[in-house]
C-alpha atoms as a PDB file:
ATOM      1  CA  MET A   1      -6.869 -11.503  17.465  1.00  0.00           C
ATOM      2  CA  LYS A   2      -7.534 -12.756  13.593  1.00  0.00           C
ATOM      3  CA  LEU A   3      -3.423 -13.288  13.513  1.00  0.00           C
ATOM      4  CA  ALA A   4      -2.991 -14.979  16.532  1.00  0.00           C
ATOM      5  CA  GLY A   5       0.221 -17.297  16.753  1.00  0.00           C
ATOM      6  CA  LYS A   6       0.955 -16.276  13.091  1.00  0.00           C
ATOM      7  CA  LYS A   7       4.518 -14.793  11.891  1.00  0.00           C
ATOM      8  CA  ALA A   8       4.889 -12.477   9.527  1.00  0.00           C
ATOM      9  CA  LEU A   9       7.701 -10.184   7.947  1.00  0.00           C
ATOM     10  CA  VAL A  10       6.661  -6.772   6.472  1.00  0.00           C
ATOM     11  CA  THR A  11       9.168  -4.906   4.049  1.00  0.00           C
ATOM     12  CA  GLY A  12       9.464  -1.177   4.004  1.00  0.00           C
ATOM     13  CA  ALA A  13       7.739  -1.332   7.708  1.00  0.00           C
ATOM     14  CA  SER A  14       9.845   1.484   8.751  1.00  0.00           C
ATOM     15  CA  ARG A  15       7.212   3.869   7.760  1.00  0.00           C
ATOM     16  CA  GLY A  16       3.983   4.830   6.366  1.00  0.00           C
ATOM     17  CA  ILE A  17       2.067   1.888   4.527  1.00  0.00           C
ATOM     18  CA  GLY A  18       4.483  -0.641   6.431  1.00  0.00           C
ATOM     19  CA  ARG A  19       4.907   0.432   9.548  1.00  0.00           C
ATOM     20  CA  GLY A  20       0.657   0.728   9.734  1.00  0.00           C
ATOM     21  CA  ILE A  21       0.580  -2.959   8.222  1.00  0.00           C
ATOM     22  CA  ALA A  22       2.938  -4.254  10.897  1.00  0.00           C
ATOM     23  CA  LEU A  23       1.453  -2.576  13.797  1.00  0.00           C
ATOM     24  CA  ALA A  24      -1.712  -3.728  12.803  1.00  0.00           C
ATOM     25  CA  PHE A  25      -0.642  -7.360  12.500  1.00  0.00           C
ATOM     26  CA  ALA A  26       0.906  -7.099  16.170  1.00  0.00           C
ATOM     27  CA  ALA A  27      -2.437  -5.987  17.233  1.00  0.00           C
ATOM     28  CA  GLU A  28      -3.848  -9.021  16.143  1.00  0.00           C
ATOM     29  CA  GLY A  29      -1.664 -11.294  17.399  1.00  0.00           C
ATOM     30  CA  ALA A  30       1.158 -11.716  14.632  1.00  0.00           C
ATOM     31  CA  ASP A  31       5.209 -11.455  15.383  1.00  0.00           C
ATOM     32  CA  VAL A  32       6.409  -9.084  12.893  1.00  0.00           C
ATOM     33  CA  ALA A  33       9.565  -8.839  11.213  1.00  0.00           C
ATOM     34  CA  VAL A  34      10.622  -5.386  10.331  1.00  0.00           C
ATOM     35  CA  GLY A  35      12.356  -5.525   6.677  1.00  0.00           C
ATOM     36  CA  TYR A  36      14.098  -1.513   6.352  1.00  0.00           C
ATOM     37  CA  ARG A  37      16.504  -0.141   4.014  1.00  0.00           C
ATOM     38  CA  ARG A  38      18.263   3.036   5.498  1.00  0.00           C
ATOM     39  CA  GLU A  39      16.006   4.046   8.384  1.00  0.00           C
ATOM     40  CA  LYS A  40      17.704   2.011  11.234  1.00  0.00           C
ATOM     41  CA  HIS A  41      16.006   4.400  13.925  1.00  0.00           C
ATOM     42  CA  ALA A  42      12.574   4.219  12.603  1.00  0.00           C
ATOM     43  CA  ALA A  43      12.686   0.749  12.495  1.00  0.00           C
ATOM     44  CA  GLU A  44      13.626  -0.024  15.899  1.00  0.00           C
ATOM     45  CA  GLU A  45      10.969   2.450  16.889  1.00  0.00           C
ATOM     46  CA  THR A  46       8.610   0.073  14.440  1.00  0.00           C
ATOM     47  CA  VAL A  47       9.912  -2.993  16.454  1.00  0.00           C
ATOM     48  CA  GLN A  48       9.167  -1.199  19.976  1.00  0.00           C
ATOM     49  CA  ALA A  49       6.382  -0.716  19.119  1.00  0.00           C
ATOM     50  CA  ILE A  50       5.275  -4.113  18.161  1.00  0.00           C
ATOM     51  CA  GLN A  51       6.546  -4.996  21.432  1.00  0.00           C
ATOM     52  CA  ALA A  52       4.654  -2.458  23.668  1.00  0.00           C
ATOM     53  CA  LYS A  53       1.765  -5.166  21.761  1.00  0.00           C
ATOM     54  CA  GLY A  54       2.927  -8.196  23.335  1.00  0.00           C
ATOM     55  CA  ARG A  55       4.399  -9.413  20.277  1.00  0.00           C
ATOM     56  CA  ARG A  56       7.995 -10.042  19.381  1.00  0.00           C
ATOM     57  CA  GLY A  57       9.862  -7.970  16.689  1.00  0.00           C
ATOM     58  CA  PHE A  58      12.825  -7.770  15.023  1.00  0.00           C
ATOM     59  CA  ALA A  59      14.675  -5.471  12.336  1.00  0.00           C
ATOM     60  CA  TYR A  60      16.475  -6.502   9.595  1.00  0.00           C
ATOM     61  CA  ALA A  61      18.210  -4.191   7.080  1.00  0.00           C
ATOM     62  CA  ALA A  62      18.106  -5.354   3.103  1.00  0.00           C
ATOM     63  CA  ASP A  63      18.169  -3.050   0.013  1.00  0.00           C
ATOM     64  CA  VAL A  64      15.332  -5.081  -1.917  1.00  0.00           C
ATOM     65  CA  ARG A  65      17.207  -4.494  -4.869  1.00  0.00           C
ATOM     66  CA  ASP A  66      20.146  -7.098  -3.707  1.00  0.00           C
ATOM     67  CA  ALA A  67      18.440 -10.720  -4.432  1.00  0.00           C
ATOM     68  CA  ALA A  68      21.425 -12.186  -1.908  1.00  0.00           C
ATOM     69  CA  ALA A  69      20.356  -9.816   0.835  1.00  0.00           C
ATOM     70  CA  VAL A  70      16.653 -10.106   0.660  1.00  0.00           C
ATOM     71  CA  ARG A  71      17.249 -13.892   1.077  1.00  0.00           C
ATOM     72  CA  ALA A  72      19.310 -13.400   4.183  1.00  0.00           C
ATOM     73  CA  MET A  73      16.507 -11.247   5.565  1.00  0.00           C
ATOM     74  CA  VAL A  74      13.755 -13.568   4.541  1.00  0.00           C
ATOM     75  CA  HIS A  75      15.681 -16.641   6.287  1.00  0.00           C
ATOM     76  CA  SER A  76      16.849 -14.655   9.321  1.00  0.00           C
ATOM     77  CA  ALA A  77      13.343 -13.797   9.876  1.00  0.00           C
ATOM     78  CA  HIS A  78      11.955 -17.204   9.450  1.00  0.00           C
ATOM     79  CA  ALA A  79      14.651 -18.666  12.212  1.00  0.00           C
ATOM     80  CA  ASP A  80      14.164 -15.410  14.676  1.00  0.00           C
ATOM     81  CA  LEU A  81      10.271 -16.042  14.461  1.00  0.00           C
ATOM     82  CA  GLY A  82      10.054 -19.618  14.395  1.00  0.00           C
ATOM     83  CA  GLY A  83       8.465 -19.674  11.321  1.00  0.00           C
ATOM     84  CA  LEU A  84       6.818 -17.373   8.293  1.00  0.00           C
ATOM     85  CA  ASP A  85       3.235 -17.757   7.521  1.00  0.00           C
ATOM     86  CA  ILE A  86       2.767 -14.006   5.980  1.00  0.00           C
ATOM     87  CA  VAL A  87       5.041 -12.096   3.809  1.00  0.00           C
ATOM     88  CA  VAL A  88       4.385  -8.316   2.975  1.00  0.00           C
ATOM     89  CA  ALA A  89       6.489  -7.362   0.072  1.00  0.00           C
ATOM     90  CA  ASN A  90       5.602  -3.299   0.655  1.00  0.00           C
ATOM     91  CA  ALA A  91       9.149  -1.530  -0.079  1.00  0.00           C
ATOM     92  CA  GLY A  92       9.203   1.065  -2.607  1.00  0.00           C
ATOM     93  CA  VAL A  93      10.114   4.556  -3.706  1.00  0.00           C
ATOM     94  CA  PRO A  94       7.794   7.073  -5.861  1.00  0.00           C
ATOM     95  CA  THR A  95       8.552   8.258  -9.073  1.00  0.00           C
ATOM     96  CA  ARG A  96       9.523  11.878 -10.165  1.00  0.00           C
ATOM     97  CA  PHE A  97       6.823  14.151 -11.942  1.00  0.00           C
ATOM     98  CA  GLN A  98       8.174  14.290 -15.796  1.00  0.00           C
ATOM     99  CA  PRO A  99       7.115  12.989 -18.860  1.00  0.00           C
ATOM    100  CA  LEU A 100       9.075   9.616 -20.255  1.00  0.00           C
ATOM    101  CA  HIS A 101      10.923  11.400 -22.606  1.00  0.00           C
ATOM    102  CA  GLU A 102      12.714  13.329 -19.997  1.00  0.00           C
ATOM    103  CA  VAL A 103      13.073  10.013 -17.921  1.00  0.00           C
ATOM    104  CA  GLU A 104      16.800   9.181 -17.676  1.00  0.00           C
ATOM    105  CA  PRO A 105      17.312   5.290 -18.310  1.00  0.00           C
ATOM    106  CA  SER A 106      19.387   5.298 -15.020  1.00  0.00           C
ATOM    107  CA  TYR A 107      16.152   6.591 -12.864  1.00  0.00           C
ATOM    108  CA  TRP A 108      13.649   4.273 -14.985  1.00  0.00           C
ATOM    109  CA  GLN A 109      15.880   1.346 -13.968  1.00  0.00           C
ATOM    110  CA  ARG A 110      16.209   2.402  -9.944  1.00  0.00           C
ATOM    111  CA  VAL A 111      12.213   2.633  -9.953  1.00  0.00           C
ATOM    112  CA  LEU A 112      11.551  -1.001 -11.406  1.00  0.00           C
ATOM    113  CA  GLU A 113      14.594  -2.149  -9.447  1.00  0.00           C
ATOM    114  CA  ILE A 114      13.091  -1.194  -6.273  1.00  0.00           C
ATOM    115  CA  ASP A 115       9.549  -1.179  -6.923  1.00  0.00           C
ATOM    116  CA  LEU A 116       9.196  -4.430  -9.208  1.00  0.00           C
ATOM    117  CA  HIS A 117      12.184  -6.416  -8.756  1.00  0.00           C
ATOM    118  CA  GLY A 118      12.398  -5.704  -4.972  1.00  0.00           C
ATOM    119  CA  VAL A 119       8.585  -7.572  -4.806  1.00  0.00           C
ATOM    120  CA  PHE A 120      10.356 -10.474  -6.989  1.00  0.00           C
ATOM    121  CA  HIS A 121      13.097 -10.724  -4.808  1.00  0.00           C
ATOM    122  CA  THR A 122      11.226 -10.880  -1.532  1.00  0.00           C
ATOM    123  CA  VAL A 123       8.612 -13.271  -2.721  1.00  0.00           C
ATOM    124  CA  HIS A 124      11.315 -15.512  -4.660  1.00  0.00           C
ATOM    125  CA  ALA A 125      13.164 -15.832  -1.137  1.00  0.00           C
ATOM    126  CA  ALA A 126       9.878 -16.964   1.058  1.00  0.00           C
ATOM    127  CA  LEU A 127       8.250 -19.034  -1.501  1.00  0.00           C
ATOM    128  CA  PRO A 128      10.219 -21.892  -0.860  1.00  0.00           C
ATOM    129  CA  LEU A 129       9.696 -21.502   2.784  1.00  0.00           C
ATOM    130  CA  LEU A 130       5.806 -21.407   2.313  1.00  0.00           C
ATOM    131  CA  ARG A 131       5.460 -23.934  -0.420  1.00  0.00           C
ATOM    132  CA  ALA A 132       7.233 -26.663   2.111  1.00  0.00           C
ATOM    133  CA  GLN A 133       5.038 -26.082   4.613  1.00  0.00           C
ATOM    134  CA  GLN A 134       1.873 -25.751   2.345  1.00  0.00           C
ATOM    135  CA  SER A 135       0.469 -22.534   3.850  1.00  0.00           C
ATOM    136  CA  GLY A 136       0.599 -19.187   3.645  1.00  0.00           C
ATOM    137  CA  VAL A 137      -0.206 -15.551   2.945  1.00  0.00           C
ATOM    138  CA  ILE A 138       1.765 -13.133   0.293  1.00  0.00           C
ATOM    139  CA  LEU A 139       0.662  -9.149  -0.073  1.00  0.00           C
ATOM    140  CA  THR A 140       2.141  -6.980  -2.573  1.00  0.00           C
ATOM    141  CA  ILE A 141       1.665  -3.411  -2.346  1.00  0.00           C
ATOM    142  CA  SER A 142       0.719  -1.583  -5.476  1.00  0.00           C
ATOM    143  CA  SER A 143      -0.874   1.318  -6.337  1.00  0.00           C
ATOM    144  CA  VAL A 144      -4.063   2.397  -8.463  1.00  0.00           C
ATOM    145  CA  ALA A 145      -1.193   4.614 -10.793  1.00  0.00           C
ATOM    146  CA  ALA A 146      -1.065   0.840 -12.420  1.00  0.00           C
ATOM    147  CA  ASP A 147      -4.869   1.728 -13.418  1.00  0.00           C
ATOM    148  CA  ILE A 148      -5.426   5.114 -14.306  1.00  0.00           C
ATOM    149  CA  CYS A 149      -1.893   5.581 -16.015  1.00  0.00           C
ATOM    150  CA  GLY A 150      -1.381   9.085 -15.030  1.00  0.00           C
ATOM    151  CA  ALA A 151       1.057  11.252 -17.095  1.00  0.00           C
ATOM    152  CA  ASN A 152       4.554  12.033 -15.698  1.00  0.00           C
ATOM    153  CA  GLY A 153       4.759   8.719 -13.820  1.00  0.00           C
ATOM    154  CA  GLY A 154       5.792   6.471 -16.033  1.00  0.00           C
ATOM    155  CA  PRO A 155       8.290   4.019 -14.366  1.00  0.00           C
ATOM    156  CA  TYR A 156       6.225   4.087 -11.260  1.00  0.00           C
ATOM    157  CA  VAL A 157       3.055   3.307 -13.581  1.00  0.00           C
ATOM    158  CA  ALA A 158       4.755   0.494 -14.788  1.00  0.00           C
ATOM    159  CA  ALA A 159       6.173  -1.181 -12.351  1.00  0.00           C
ATOM    160  CA  LYS A 160       3.099  -1.243  -9.928  1.00  0.00           C
ATOM    161  CA  ALA A 161       1.406  -2.765 -13.405  1.00  0.00           C
ATOM    162  CA  GLY A 162       4.086  -4.996 -13.314  1.00  0.00           C
ATOM    163  CA  VAL A 163       3.292  -5.926  -9.456  1.00  0.00           C
ATOM    164  CA  ASN A 164      -0.321  -6.852 -10.205  1.00  0.00           C
ATOM    165  CA  ALA A 165       0.368  -9.131 -13.073  1.00  0.00           C
ATOM    166  CA  LEU A 166       3.432 -10.596 -10.984  1.00  0.00           C
ATOM    167  CA  THR A 167       1.131 -11.375  -7.967  1.00  0.00           C
ATOM    168  CA  LYS A 168      -1.550 -13.181 -10.193  1.00  0.00           C
ATOM    169  CA  VAL A 169       1.076 -15.000 -11.562  1.00  0.00           C
ATOM    170  CA  ILE A 170       2.124 -16.253  -8.140  1.00  0.00           C
ATOM    171  CA  ALA A 171      -1.543 -16.742  -7.129  1.00  0.00           C
ATOM    172  CA  ARG A 172      -2.240 -19.388  -9.931  1.00  0.00           C
ATOM    173  CA  GLU A 173       1.014 -21.029  -9.446  1.00  0.00           C
ATOM    174  CA  ASN A 174       0.858 -21.596  -5.530  1.00  0.00           C
ATOM    175  CA  ALA A 175      -3.168 -22.353  -5.072  1.00  0.00           C
ATOM    176  CA  ALA A 176      -2.761 -25.950  -4.783  1.00  0.00           C
ATOM    177  CA  LEU A 177      -0.266 -25.609  -1.848  1.00  0.00           C
ATOM    178  CA  ASN A 178      -2.721 -23.396   0.027  1.00  0.00           C
ATOM    179  CA  VAL A 179      -0.375 -20.110  -0.710  1.00  0.00           C
ATOM    180  CA  ARG A 180      -2.332 -17.537  -1.415  1.00  0.00           C
ATOM    181  CA  CYS A 181      -1.371 -14.092  -2.983  1.00  0.00           C
ATOM    182  CA  ASN A 182      -3.128 -10.807  -3.123  1.00  0.00           C
ATOM    183  CA  VAL A 183      -2.480  -7.410  -4.126  1.00  0.00           C
ATOM    184  CA  ILE A 184      -3.107  -4.028  -2.133  1.00  0.00           C
ATOM    185  CA  ALA A 185      -3.327  -1.093  -4.452  1.00  0.00           C
ATOM    186  CA  PRO A 186      -3.509   1.801  -2.284  1.00  0.00           C
ATOM    187  CA  GLY A 187      -4.422   5.646  -3.736  1.00  0.00           C
ATOM    188  CA  LEU A 188      -3.910   8.787  -2.150  1.00  0.00           C
ATOM    189  CA  ILE A 189      -2.740   7.887   1.593  1.00  0.00           C
ATOM    190  CA  LYS A 190      -1.386  10.231   4.165  1.00  0.00           C
ATOM    191  CA  THR A 191       2.392   9.276   4.091  1.00  0.00           C
ATOM    192  CA  ASP A 192       5.581  11.473   2.505  1.00  0.00           C
ATOM    193  CA  ILE A 193       4.799  10.092  -0.758  1.00  0.00           C
ATOM    194  CA  ALA A 194       1.375  11.775  -0.850  1.00  0.00           C
ATOM    195  CA  ASP A 195       3.468  15.240   0.460  1.00  0.00           C
ATOM    196  CA  GLY A 196       5.187  15.030  -2.833  1.00  0.00           C
ATOM    197  CA  MET A 197       2.287  14.009  -5.290  1.00  0.00           C
ATOM    198  CA  LEU A 198       0.268  17.665  -3.404  1.00  0.00           C
ATOM    199  CA  GLU A 199       3.143  19.799  -4.150  1.00  0.00           C
ATOM    200  CA  PHE A 200       3.362  18.440  -7.946  1.00  0.00           C
ATOM    201  CA  HIS A 201      -0.562  18.680  -8.465  1.00  0.00           C
ATOM    202  CA  GLY A 202      -1.888  20.511  -5.821  1.00  0.00           C
ATOM    203  CA  ASP A 203      -5.301  20.313  -3.165  1.00  0.00           C
ATOM    204  CA  ASP A 204      -7.309  19.370  -6.444  1.00  0.00           C
ATOM    205  CA  LEU A 205      -5.889  15.701  -6.268  1.00  0.00           C
ATOM    206  CA  VAL A 206      -7.928  15.179  -2.986  1.00  0.00           C
ATOM    207  CA  LYS A 207     -10.906  16.488  -4.245  1.00  0.00           C
ATOM    208  CA  SER A 208     -10.993  14.764  -7.203  1.00  0.00           C
ATOM    209  CA  ILE A 209     -11.342  11.736  -4.719  1.00  0.00           C
ATOM    210  CA  PRO A 210     -14.818  10.931  -4.389  1.00  0.00           C
ATOM    211  CA  LEU A 211     -14.847  10.500  -0.503  1.00  0.00           C
ATOM    212  CA  GLN A 212     -12.708  13.994  -0.551  1.00  0.00           C
ATOM    213  CA  ARG A 213     -10.088  13.028   1.830  1.00  0.00           C
ATOM    214  CA  MET A 214      -6.732  11.213   1.631  1.00  0.00           C
ATOM    215  CA  GLY A 215      -6.527   7.593   3.075  1.00  0.00           C
ATOM    216  CA  THR A 216      -4.743   6.688   6.398  1.00  0.00           C
ATOM    217  CA  PRO A 217      -1.860   3.906   6.735  1.00  0.00           C
ATOM    218  CA  GLU A 218      -3.953   2.268   9.163  1.00  0.00           C
ATOM    219  CA  GLU A 219      -7.014   2.044   6.669  1.00  0.00           C
ATOM    220  CA  CYS A 220      -4.574   0.079   4.274  1.00  0.00           C
ATOM    221  CA  ALA A 221      -3.644  -1.781   7.446  1.00  0.00           C
ATOM    222  CA  GLN A 222      -7.060  -3.110   8.287  1.00  0.00           C
ATOM    223  CA  LEU A 223      -7.361  -4.187   5.092  1.00  0.00           C
ATOM    224  CA  ALA A 224      -3.843  -6.089   4.978  1.00  0.00           C
ATOM    225  CA  VAL A 225      -5.091  -7.272   8.134  1.00  0.00           C
ATOM    226  CA  TYR A 226      -8.227  -9.133   6.403  1.00  0.00           C
ATOM    227  CA  LEU A 227      -6.216 -10.198   3.498  1.00  0.00           C
ATOM    228  CA  ALA A 228      -3.873 -12.312   6.031  1.00  0.00           C
ATOM    229  CA  SER A 229      -6.260 -13.780   7.957  1.00  0.00           C
ATOM    230  CA  ASP A 230      -8.629 -16.991   7.595  1.00  0.00           C
ATOM    231  CA  ASP A 231     -11.333 -14.263   6.869  1.00  0.00           C
ATOM    232  CA  ALA A 232     -10.006 -14.489   3.118  1.00  0.00           C
ATOM    233  CA  SER A 233      -9.080 -18.411   3.042  1.00  0.00           C
ATOM    234  CA  TRP A 234     -10.996 -18.566  -0.186  1.00  0.00           C
ATOM    235  CA  ILE A 235      -9.193 -15.205  -1.817  1.00  0.00           C
ATOM    236  CA  THR A 236      -6.604 -15.268  -4.288  1.00  0.00           C
ATOM    237  CA  GLY A 237      -5.107 -13.666  -7.089  1.00  0.00           C
ATOM    238  CA  LYS A 238      -6.929 -10.262  -7.086  1.00  0.00           C
ATOM    239  CA  VAL A 239      -6.525  -6.584  -6.733  1.00  0.00           C
ATOM    240  CA  PHE A 240      -7.969  -4.606  -3.854  1.00  0.00           C
ATOM    241  CA  ARG A 241      -8.099  -1.036  -4.545  1.00  0.00           C
ATOM    242  CA  ILE A 242      -8.639   1.264  -1.349  1.00  0.00           C
ATOM    243  CA  ASP A 243      -8.872   4.660  -2.936  1.00  0.00           C
ATOM    244  CA  GLY A 244     -11.931   6.501  -1.689  1.00  0.00           C
ATOM    245  CA  GLY A 245     -13.651   5.930  -4.928  1.00  0.00           C
ATOM    246  CA  ALA A 246     -11.058   7.509  -7.037  1.00  0.00           C
ATOM    247  CA  TRP A 247     -10.732   4.535  -9.489  1.00  0.00           C
END
């Protein structure tokens, strides 16, 4: 019960890594607010799974591109949970696989608005609450793509590299108030995003991983539990790559 009594908000928690983190937090004793954009049924299923673990769960719809909607979600979660200790900015979208000269400016803008600006909006809304209580943990979800900088993924790579840099700034600005901020940067994880990558790159993508398999949302979630817990109380401003040795 590493997170006993804690209150957490996880965006993009209706599926994939976000859902894995939300359920792992609940298993470790936290009450969890689930942020989602469209998949209401899936978000409600996540809440039910949280409640089945004996914890309180709530679901809030918000498009992370909309600063006002994100602020409303954060403040609703704070009110319903009776506080907020942990914020996980996980919501994101994958990229199309195409060279940069073929990327439409409107698509470039969409990926950055969700994968980078969405993190900013989430953290920007939560920071005043965490700073006021002089405690809290923020986790952002990036990708090893920010390091690998592979061809045909320009918008996604740029957004995730921005998340890495932004998180380090947040960590420096808020450390004196005991608000920690770290990045989880997954490699190839068994999600619907991975399905699209495998369709484009083929099975050689898995074979290129030294541990010879994809990771799971549950493995990412255990790292999130550690970083959100007091076990990591002297860790901030770091990028934690969980990728089977790929980078």
